[in-house]
Amino acid sequence: MQLSLYSDYALRLLMRLAVEPERLVTIQEVSNSYGISRNHLMKIAYALGQHGFITTLRGRRGGLKLAHPPEEIGLGDVVRATEDSLSLVECFNAETNSCVLAPCCHLKGILGEALEAFLAVLDRYSLADLVRQPDLLRACMIPPLALKEEALHGQHDPRQL
């Protein structure tokens, strides 16, 4: 099982918002933090807003923020909302299935059970579980948020950024 980049980026976007819950974060900031295309992030932010995970404020002073506390944003819910299809194999989709083995094969049942187990594990975790060490996450971003904040407050030599 492999999540799409779309889901991966959606989770990263949510994590970025969770480490700075007190303010609106712009798509450009997230793009810069992760080195991800701004255009991809705009589409993802729109979808996350449609699903109620984030709120968006347009305009010059606009940005993004979580719509709910991180503890209330389930990872399983995010993955279900952002994956186009959780059909692991062709026979999961009755409309497009053309596998000749479908009537006598047990693979669909086994993989279905595995998918349920995968989602059940994700359902046990929330966004809060991903951001338990916000300082470590900030340090991993490009440029690290802690250094960026220090430079803004005159505590760090900006030439070292």
N, C-alpha and C. Protein backbone atom coordinates (compact mmCIF):
# COMPACT_ATOMS: atom_id res chain seq x y z
N MET A 1 0.85 -1.18 0.00
CA MET A 1 0.00 0.00 0.00
C MET A 1 0.89 1.23 0.00
N GLN A 2 0.59 2.14 -0.86
CA GLN A 2 1.33 3.40 -0.91
C GLN A 2 0.33 4.54 -1.04
N LEU A 3 0.47 5.52 -0.17
CA LEU A 3 -0.38 6.69 -0.27
C LEU A 3 0.07 7.55 -1.43
N SER A 4 -0.85 8.26 -2.01
CA SER A 4 -0.52 9.19 -3.08
C SER A 4 0.25 10.39 -2.52
N LEU A 5 0.96 11.08 -3.39
CA LEU A 5 1.62 12.32 -2.98
C LEU A 5 0.59 13.33 -2.48
N TYR A 6 -0.58 13.28 -3.05
CA TYR A 6 -1.66 14.18 -2.63
C TYR A 6 -1.95 14.01 -1.14
N SER A 7 -2.12 12.77 -0.71
CA SER A 7 -2.37 12.50 0.71
C SER A 7 -1.17 12.86 1.56
N ASP A 8 0.01 12.54 1.08
CA ASP A 8 1.25 12.86 1.78
C ASP A 8 1.34 14.37 2.00
N TYR A 9 1.12 15.15 0.95
CA TYR A 9 1.18 16.60 1.06
C TYR A 9 0.07 17.15 1.94
N ALA A 10 -1.09 16.54 1.89
CA ALA A 10 -2.20 16.97 2.75
C ALA A 10 -1.82 16.80 4.22
N LEU A 11 -1.23 15.67 4.55
CA LEU A 11 -0.81 15.44 5.93
C LEU A 11 0.29 16.42 6.33
N ARG A 12 1.22 16.69 5.42
CA ARG A 12 2.28 17.66 5.72
C ARG A 12 1.70 19.06 5.93
N LEU A 13 0.73 19.43 5.12
CA LEU A 13 0.10 20.74 5.26
C LEU A 13 -0.57 20.84 6.63
N LEU A 14 -1.31 19.81 7.01
CA LEU A 14 -1.96 19.81 8.31
C LEU A 14 -0.95 19.89 9.45
N MET A 15 0.15 19.17 9.30
CA MET A 15 1.19 19.22 10.32
C MET A 15 1.76 20.63 10.45
N ARG A 16 1.98 21.28 9.33
CA ARG A 16 2.53 22.65 9.34
C ARG A 16 1.58 23.59 10.06
N LEU A 17 0.29 23.44 9.82
CA LEU A 17 -0.69 24.29 10.49
C LEU A 17 -0.76 23.98 11.98
N ALA A 18 -0.58 22.72 12.33
CA ALA A 18 -0.66 22.31 13.73
C ALA A 18 0.50 22.82 14.57
N VAL A 19 1.67 23.03 13.96
CA VAL A 19 2.80 23.53 14.76
C VAL A 19 2.73 25.03 14.98
N GLU A 20 1.83 25.71 14.28
CA GLU A 20 1.62 27.14 14.49
C GLU A 20 0.12 27.46 14.56
N PRO A 21 -0.57 26.91 15.56
CA PRO A 21 -2.02 27.05 15.62
C PRO A 21 -2.50 28.46 15.93
N GLU A 22 -1.62 29.29 16.44
CA GLU A 22 -2.03 30.63 16.87
C GLU A 22 -2.12 31.65 15.75
N ARG A 23 -1.73 31.27 14.53
CA ARG A 23 -1.76 32.25 13.45
C ARG A 23 -2.16 31.63 12.13
N LEU A 24 -2.53 32.49 11.19
CA LEU A 24 -2.82 32.05 9.83
C LEU A 24 -1.49 31.80 9.11
N VAL A 25 -1.42 30.71 8.40
CA VAL A 25 -0.22 30.35 7.65
C VAL A 25 -0.57 30.40 6.17
N THR A 26 0.29 31.00 5.36
CA THR A 26 0.01 31.11 3.94
C THR A 26 0.47 29.86 3.19
N ILE A 27 -0.12 29.65 2.05
CA ILE A 27 0.29 28.54 1.20
C ILE A 27 1.75 28.71 0.78
N GLN A 28 2.15 29.96 0.52
CA GLN A 28 3.55 30.20 0.15
C GLN A 28 4.50 29.79 1.26
N GLU A 29 4.13 30.04 2.51
CA GLU A 29 4.98 29.62 3.63
C GLU A 29 5.11 28.10 3.68
N VAL A 30 4.00 27.42 3.47
CA VAL A 30 4.03 25.95 3.49
C VAL A 30 4.88 25.45 2.33
N SER A 31 4.70 26.05 1.17
CA SER A 31 5.48 25.69 -0.01
C SER A 31 6.98 25.85 0.27
N ASN A 32 7.33 26.96 0.88
CA ASN A 32 8.74 27.21 1.21
C ASN A 32 9.26 26.26 2.28
N SER A 33 8.41 25.93 3.26
CA SER A 33 8.82 25.05 4.35
C SER A 33 9.16 23.65 3.86
N TYR A 34 8.42 23.17 2.88
CA TYR A 34 8.56 21.79 2.44
C TYR A 34 9.17 21.62 1.06
N GLY A 35 9.31 22.71 0.34
CA GLY A 35 9.82 22.59 -1.03
C GLY A 35 8.81 21.90 -1.93
N ILE A 36 7.53 22.20 -1.71
CA ILE A 36 6.44 21.60 -2.48
C ILE A 36 5.81 22.69 -3.35
N SER A 37 5.37 22.31 -4.52
CA SER A 37 4.74 23.24 -5.45
C SER A 37 3.56 23.97 -4.81
N ARG A 38 3.56 25.28 -4.96
CA ARG A 38 2.48 26.12 -4.45
C ARG A 38 1.15 25.73 -5.10
N ASN A 39 1.18 25.44 -6.40
CA ASN A 39 -0.05 25.06 -7.11
C ASN A 39 -0.66 23.78 -6.55
N HIS A 40 0.19 22.77 -6.27
CA HIS A 40 -0.32 21.53 -5.67
C HIS A 40 -0.95 21.83 -4.32
N LEU A 41 -0.27 22.65 -3.54
CA LEU A 41 -0.77 22.95 -2.20
C LEU A 41 -2.09 23.72 -2.25
N MET A 42 -2.26 24.56 -3.24
CA MET A 42 -3.53 25.30 -3.37
C MET A 42 -4.69 24.33 -3.57
N LYS A 43 -4.50 23.33 -4.43
CA LYS A 43 -5.55 22.33 -4.67
C LYS A 43 -5.83 21.52 -3.40
N ILE A 44 -4.78 21.16 -2.71
CA ILE A 44 -4.93 20.36 -1.49
C ILE A 44 -5.62 21.18 -0.41
N ALA A 45 -5.22 22.44 -0.25
CA ALA A 45 -5.84 23.30 0.76
C ALA A 45 -7.33 23.47 0.46
N TYR A 46 -7.67 23.63 -0.79
CA TYR A 46 -9.07 23.76 -1.17
C TYR A 46 -9.85 22.51 -0.74
N ALA A 47 -9.30 21.34 -1.06
CA ALA A 47 -9.98 20.08 -0.72
C ALA A 47 -10.08 19.90 0.79
N LEU A 48 -9.01 20.21 1.51
CA LEU A 48 -9.05 20.08 2.97
C LEU A 48 -10.09 21.02 3.57
N GLY A 49 -10.24 22.18 2.96
CA GLY A 49 -11.29 23.11 3.40
C GLY A 49 -12.67 22.55 3.11
N GLN A 50 -12.85 21.96 1.94
CA GLN A 50 -14.14 21.36 1.57
C GLN A 50 -14.52 20.23 2.53
N HIS A 51 -13.53 19.50 3.00
CA HIS A 51 -13.79 18.38 3.92
C HIS A 51 -13.86 18.82 5.37
N GLY A 52 -13.65 20.11 5.63
CA GLY A 52 -13.78 20.64 6.98
C GLY A 52 -12.58 20.48 7.89
N PHE A 53 -11.42 20.16 7.32
CA PHE A 53 -10.21 20.01 8.14
C PHE A 53 -9.54 21.35 8.42
N ILE A 54 -9.65 22.28 7.48
CA ILE A 54 -9.03 23.59 7.66
C ILE A 54 -10.03 24.68 7.30
N THR A 55 -9.72 25.88 7.76
CA THR A 55 -10.47 27.05 7.34
C THR A 55 -9.51 27.95 6.57
N THR A 56 -10.04 28.64 5.61
CA THR A 56 -9.22 29.51 4.78
C THR A 56 -9.78 30.92 4.81
N LEU A 57 -8.87 31.85 4.78
CA LEU A 57 -9.25 33.25 4.72
C LEU A 57 -8.52 33.84 3.54
N ARG A 58 -9.29 34.33 2.58
CA ARG A 58 -8.71 34.91 1.37
C ARG A 58 -8.28 36.34 1.60
N GLY A 59 -7.44 36.80 0.69
CA GLY A 59 -7.07 38.20 0.73
C GLY A 59 -5.66 38.43 1.24
N ARG A 60 -5.33 39.68 1.33
CA ARG A 60 -3.97 40.09 1.66
C ARG A 60 -3.51 39.58 3.02
N ARG A 61 -4.39 39.57 3.97
CA ARG A 61 -4.04 39.11 5.31
C ARG A 61 -4.57 37.69 5.55
N GLY A 62 -4.82 36.99 4.47
CA GLY A 62 -5.41 35.67 4.56
C GLY A 62 -4.41 34.58 4.88
N GLY A 63 -4.92 33.37 4.93
CA GLY A 63 -4.09 32.22 5.21
C GLY A 63 -4.96 31.03 5.59
N LEU A 64 -4.30 30.06 6.15
CA LEU A 64 -4.95 28.80 6.51
C LEU A 64 -4.76 28.53 7.99
N LYS A 65 -5.72 27.83 8.57
CA LYS A 65 -5.56 27.34 9.93
C LYS A 65 -6.43 26.10 10.09
N LEU A 66 -6.15 25.34 11.10
CA LEU A 66 -6.94 24.15 11.37
C LEU A 66 -8.35 24.54 11.76
N ALA A 67 -9.31 23.78 11.30
CA ALA A 67 -10.71 24.03 11.65
C ALA A 67 -11.07 23.41 13.00
N HIS A 68 -10.24 22.49 13.46
CA HIS A 68 -10.47 21.78 14.72
C HIS A 68 -9.14 21.58 15.41
N PRO A 69 -9.16 21.34 16.71
CA PRO A 69 -7.91 21.01 17.40
C PRO A 69 -7.28 19.76 16.77
N PRO A 70 -5.96 19.66 16.79
CA PRO A 70 -5.29 18.49 16.18
C PRO A 70 -5.79 17.16 16.72
N GLU A 71 -6.21 17.13 17.98
CA GLU A 71 -6.71 15.89 18.59
C GLU A 71 -7.99 15.40 17.93
N GLU A 72 -8.69 16.30 17.25
CA GLU A 72 -9.97 15.96 16.63
C GLU A 72 -9.86 15.66 15.15
N ILE A 73 -8.67 15.72 14.60
CA ILE A 73 -8.46 15.43 13.17
C ILE A 73 -7.83 14.06 13.05
N GLY A 74 -8.64 13.08 12.69
CA GLY A 74 -8.19 11.70 12.59
C GLY A 74 -7.41 11.45 11.32
N LEU A 75 -6.31 10.71 11.44
CA LEU A 75 -5.50 10.41 10.26
C LEU A 75 -6.25 9.55 9.26
N GLY A 76 -7.05 8.61 9.75
CA GLY A 76 -7.84 7.78 8.86
C GLY A 76 -8.83 8.61 8.06
N ASP A 77 -9.42 9.60 8.71
CA ASP A 77 -10.37 10.48 8.02
C ASP A 77 -9.67 11.28 6.92
N VAL A 78 -8.47 11.76 7.21
CA VAL A 78 -7.72 12.54 6.22
C VAL A 78 -7.38 11.66 5.02
N VAL A 79 -6.90 10.47 5.27
CA VAL A 79 -6.52 9.56 4.17
C VAL A 79 -7.74 9.18 3.35
N ARG A 80 -8.84 8.87 3.99
CA ARG A 80 -10.06 8.54 3.24
C ARG A 80 -10.52 9.71 2.37
N ALA A 81 -10.34 10.93 2.87
CA ALA A 81 -10.79 12.12 2.14
C ALA A 81 -9.84 12.49 1.00
N THR A 82 -8.58 12.13 1.10
CA THR A 82 -7.60 12.59 0.11
C THR A 82 -7.17 11.53 -0.90
N GLU A 83 -7.45 10.30 -0.64
CA GLU A 83 -7.10 9.26 -1.61
C GLU A 83 -8.22 9.14 -2.64
N ASP A 84 -7.86 9.17 -3.91
CA ASP A 84 -8.86 9.01 -4.97
C ASP A 84 -9.52 7.65 -4.89
N SER A 85 -8.71 6.66 -4.61
CA SER A 85 -9.23 5.31 -4.59
C SER A 85 -8.44 4.48 -3.60
N LEU A 86 -9.14 3.70 -2.83
CA LEU A 86 -8.47 2.75 -1.96
C LEU A 86 -8.60 1.34 -2.53
N SER A 87 -8.85 1.27 -3.82
CA SER A 87 -8.93 -0.02 -4.51
C SER A 87 -7.51 -0.52 -4.74
N LEU A 88 -7.12 -1.48 -3.93
CA LEU A 88 -5.74 -1.99 -4.01
C LEU A 88 -5.49 -2.79 -5.28
N VAL A 89 -6.50 -3.47 -5.74
CA VAL A 89 -6.39 -4.24 -6.98
C VAL A 89 -7.65 -4.03 -7.81
N GLU A 90 -7.58 -4.41 -9.04
CA GLU A 90 -8.66 -4.18 -10.01
C GLU A 90 -10.01 -4.69 -9.53
N CYS A 91 -10.04 -5.84 -8.88
CA CYS A 91 -11.32 -6.45 -8.52
C CYS A 91 -12.05 -5.71 -7.41
N PHE A 92 -11.43 -4.72 -6.77
CA PHE A 92 -12.12 -3.92 -5.77
C PHE A 92 -13.19 -3.04 -6.40
N ASN A 93 -13.05 -2.73 -7.67
CA ASN A 93 -14.01 -1.87 -8.36
C ASN A 93 -14.87 -2.74 -9.28
N ALA A 94 -16.10 -3.00 -8.86
CA ALA A 94 -16.99 -3.88 -9.61
C ALA A 94 -17.30 -3.35 -11.01
N GLU A 95 -17.30 -2.02 -11.18
CA GLU A 95 -17.64 -1.43 -12.48
C GLU A 95 -16.54 -1.61 -13.52
N THR A 96 -15.28 -1.65 -13.10
CA THR A 96 -14.18 -1.73 -14.07
C THR A 96 -13.44 -3.06 -14.01
N ASN A 97 -13.85 -3.94 -13.13
CA ASN A 97 -13.15 -5.21 -12.96
C ASN A 97 -13.26 -6.08 -14.21
N SER A 98 -12.12 -6.48 -14.73
CA SER A 98 -12.12 -7.41 -15.87
C SER A 98 -11.26 -8.64 -15.58
N CYS A 99 -10.91 -8.85 -14.32
CA CYS A 99 -10.07 -9.98 -13.95
C CYS A 99 -10.87 -11.28 -14.09
N VAL A 100 -10.34 -12.20 -14.85
CA VAL A 100 -11.03 -13.47 -15.06
C VAL A 100 -11.02 -14.35 -13.81
N LEU A 101 -10.14 -14.06 -12.87
CA LEU A 101 -10.07 -14.85 -11.65
C LEU A 101 -11.06 -14.40 -10.57
N ALA A 102 -11.67 -13.24 -10.76
CA ALA A 102 -12.53 -12.65 -9.72
C ALA A 102 -13.56 -13.62 -9.13
N PRO A 103 -14.23 -14.43 -9.93
CA PRO A 103 -15.26 -15.30 -9.34
C PRO A 103 -14.69 -16.39 -8.41
N CYS A 104 -13.42 -16.72 -8.55
CA CYS A 104 -12.90 -17.84 -7.75
C CYS A 104 -11.66 -17.47 -6.94
N CYS A 105 -11.30 -16.23 -6.88
CA CYS A 105 -10.07 -15.80 -6.23
C CYS A 105 -10.36 -15.26 -4.82
N HIS A 106 -9.45 -15.52 -3.92
CA HIS A 106 -9.60 -15.05 -2.54
C HIS A 106 -8.73 -13.83 -2.24
N LEU A 107 -8.02 -13.34 -3.24
CA LEU A 107 -7.13 -12.20 -3.05
C LEU A 107 -7.90 -10.95 -2.60
N LYS A 108 -9.05 -10.71 -3.21
CA LYS A 108 -9.84 -9.52 -2.87
C LYS A 108 -10.19 -9.51 -1.39
N GLY A 109 -10.60 -10.62 -0.87
CA GLY A 109 -10.97 -10.70 0.55
C GLY A 109 -9.79 -10.46 1.47
N ILE A 110 -8.66 -11.04 1.12
CA ILE A 110 -7.47 -10.89 1.96
C ILE A 110 -6.96 -9.45 1.91
N LEU A 111 -6.91 -8.89 0.71
CA LEU A 111 -6.46 -7.50 0.60
C LEU A 111 -7.46 -6.54 1.22
N GLY A 112 -8.73 -6.86 1.13
CA GLY A 112 -9.75 -6.04 1.79
C GLY A 112 -9.57 -6.03 3.30
N GLU A 113 -9.25 -7.19 3.85
CA GLU A 113 -8.98 -7.29 5.28
C GLU A 113 -7.73 -6.48 5.65
N ALA A 114 -6.71 -6.55 4.81
CA ALA A 114 -5.48 -5.79 5.06
C ALA A 114 -5.75 -4.29 5.00
N LEU A 115 -6.56 -3.86 4.04
CA LEU A 115 -6.91 -2.44 3.93
C LEU A 115 -7.68 -1.97 5.16
N GLU A 116 -8.62 -2.79 5.62
CA GLU A 116 -9.37 -2.44 6.83
C GLU A 116 -8.44 -2.31 8.03
N ALA A 117 -7.46 -3.20 8.13
CA ALA A 117 -6.50 -3.14 9.24
C ALA A 117 -5.65 -1.88 9.13
N PHE A 118 -5.22 -1.54 7.93
CA PHE A 118 -4.43 -0.33 7.69
C PHE A 118 -5.20 0.90 8.15
N LEU A 119 -6.45 1.01 7.72
CA LEU A 119 -7.28 2.15 8.08
C LEU A 119 -7.61 2.15 9.58
N ALA A 120 -7.77 0.98 10.15
CA ALA A 120 -8.05 0.89 11.59
C ALA A 120 -6.88 1.44 12.40
N VAL A 121 -5.66 1.16 11.97
CA VAL A 121 -4.49 1.71 12.66
C VAL A 121 -4.49 3.23 12.53
N LEU A 122 -4.71 3.74 11.33
CA LEU A 122 -4.75 5.20 11.15
C LEU A 122 -5.85 5.83 12.00
N ASP A 123 -6.96 5.13 12.14
CA ASP A 123 -8.08 5.65 12.93
C ASP A 123 -7.74 5.78 14.42
N ARG A 124 -6.71 5.10 14.87
CA ARG A 124 -6.30 5.20 16.27
C ARG A 124 -5.46 6.44 16.54
N TYR A 125 -5.07 7.15 15.49
CA TYR A 125 -4.18 8.30 15.65
C TYR A 125 -4.82 9.57 15.11
N SER A 126 -4.37 10.68 15.67
CA SER A 126 -4.85 11.98 15.23
C SER A 126 -3.66 12.83 14.79
N LEU A 127 -3.96 13.99 14.26
CA LEU A 127 -2.92 14.94 13.87
C LEU A 127 -2.04 15.28 15.07
N ALA A 128 -2.61 15.32 16.25
CA ALA A 128 -1.84 15.62 17.46
C ALA A 128 -0.69 14.63 17.65
N ASP A 129 -0.91 13.38 17.27
CA ASP A 129 0.14 12.37 17.39
C ASP A 129 1.32 12.66 16.47
N LEU A 130 1.06 13.33 15.36
CA LEU A 130 2.12 13.64 14.40
C LEU A 130 2.95 14.86 14.81
N VAL A 131 2.39 15.68 15.68
CA VAL A 131 3.08 16.93 16.03
C VAL A 131 3.43 17.00 17.52
N ARG A 132 3.68 15.87 18.10
CA ARG A 132 4.02 15.84 19.53
C ARG A 132 5.36 16.51 19.83
N GLN A 133 6.22 16.59 18.83
CA GLN A 133 7.52 17.26 19.00
C GLN A 133 7.61 18.42 18.02
N PRO A 134 6.86 19.49 18.28
CA PRO A 134 6.80 20.59 17.32
C PRO A 134 8.16 21.24 17.07
N ASP A 135 9.01 21.32 18.09
CA ASP A 135 10.33 21.92 17.89
C ASP A 135 11.16 21.12 16.90
N LEU A 136 11.08 19.81 16.98
CA LEU A 136 11.80 18.95 16.04
C LEU A 136 11.26 19.14 14.62
N LEU A 137 9.95 19.22 14.48
CA LEU A 137 9.35 19.45 13.16
C LEU A 137 9.78 20.79 12.59
N ARG A 138 9.75 21.81 13.43
CA ARG A 138 10.16 23.15 12.97
C ARG A 138 11.60 23.12 12.47
N ALA A 139 12.45 22.38 13.15
CA ALA A 139 13.86 22.31 12.77
C ALA A 139 14.07 21.62 11.44
N CYS A 140 13.13 20.78 11.03
CA CYS A 140 13.26 20.03 9.78
C CYS A 140 12.76 20.81 8.57
N MET A 141 12.06 21.90 8.80
CA MET A 141 11.48 22.65 7.69
C MET A 141 12.55 23.53 7.03
N ILE A 142 12.28 23.93 5.80
CA ILE A 142 13.24 24.69 4.99
C ILE A 142 12.76 26.13 4.87
N PRO A 143 13.42 27.16 5.34
CA PRO A 143 14.43 27.08 6.39
C PRO A 143 13.75 26.70 7.70
N PRO A 144 14.50 26.21 8.63
CA PRO A 144 13.88 25.82 9.90
C PRO A 144 13.11 26.99 10.50
N LEU A 145 11.89 26.74 10.94
CA LEU A 145 11.03 27.80 11.47
C LEU A 145 11.65 28.49 12.68
N ALA A 146 12.31 27.75 13.53
CA ALA A 146 12.89 28.35 14.73
C ALA A 146 13.92 29.41 14.33
N LEU A 147 14.76 29.10 13.35
CA LEU A 147 15.76 30.07 12.89
C LEU A 147 15.10 31.27 12.24
N LYS A 148 14.06 31.01 11.46
CA LYS A 148 13.34 32.09 10.80
C LYS A 148 12.74 33.04 11.84
N GLU A 149 12.12 32.47 12.88
CA GLU A 149 11.52 33.29 13.93
C GLU A 149 12.58 34.07 14.69
N GLU A 150 13.73 33.44 14.99
CA GLU A 150 14.81 34.13 15.68
C GLU A 150 15.31 35.30 14.86
N ALA A 151 15.46 35.10 13.57
CA ALA A 151 15.94 36.17 12.69
C ALA A 151 14.95 37.33 12.66
N LEU A 152 13.67 37.01 12.66
CA LEU A 152 12.66 38.06 12.64
C LEU A 152 12.68 38.89 13.92
N HIS A 153 13.09 38.28 15.01
CA HIS A 153 13.10 38.97 16.29
C HIS A 153 14.50 39.47 16.66
N GLY A 154 15.44 39.46 15.72
CA GLY A 154 16.77 39.99 15.94
C GLY A 154 17.65 39.14 16.84
N GLN A 155 17.28 37.89 17.07
CA GLN A 155 18.05 37.02 17.96
C GLN A 155 19.07 36.18 17.20
N HIS A 156 19.09 36.30 15.91
CA HIS A 156 19.95 35.45 15.10
C HIS A 156 20.43 36.27 13.92
N ASP A 157 21.62 36.04 13.49
CA ASP A 157 22.16 36.75 12.34
C ASP A 157 21.48 36.26 11.07
N PRO A 158 20.68 37.08 10.40
CA PRO A 158 19.94 36.64 9.21
C PRO A 158 20.84 36.19 8.07
N ARG A 159 22.10 36.61 8.07
CA ARG A 159 23.01 36.18 7.00
C ARG A 159 23.33 34.69 7.11
N GLN A 160 23.06 34.09 8.28
CA GLN A 160 23.31 32.67 8.45
C GLN A 160 22.13 31.82 7.97
N LEU A 161 21.04 32.46 7.60
CA LEU A 161 19.90 31.72 7.07
C LEU A 161 20.21 31.35 5.70
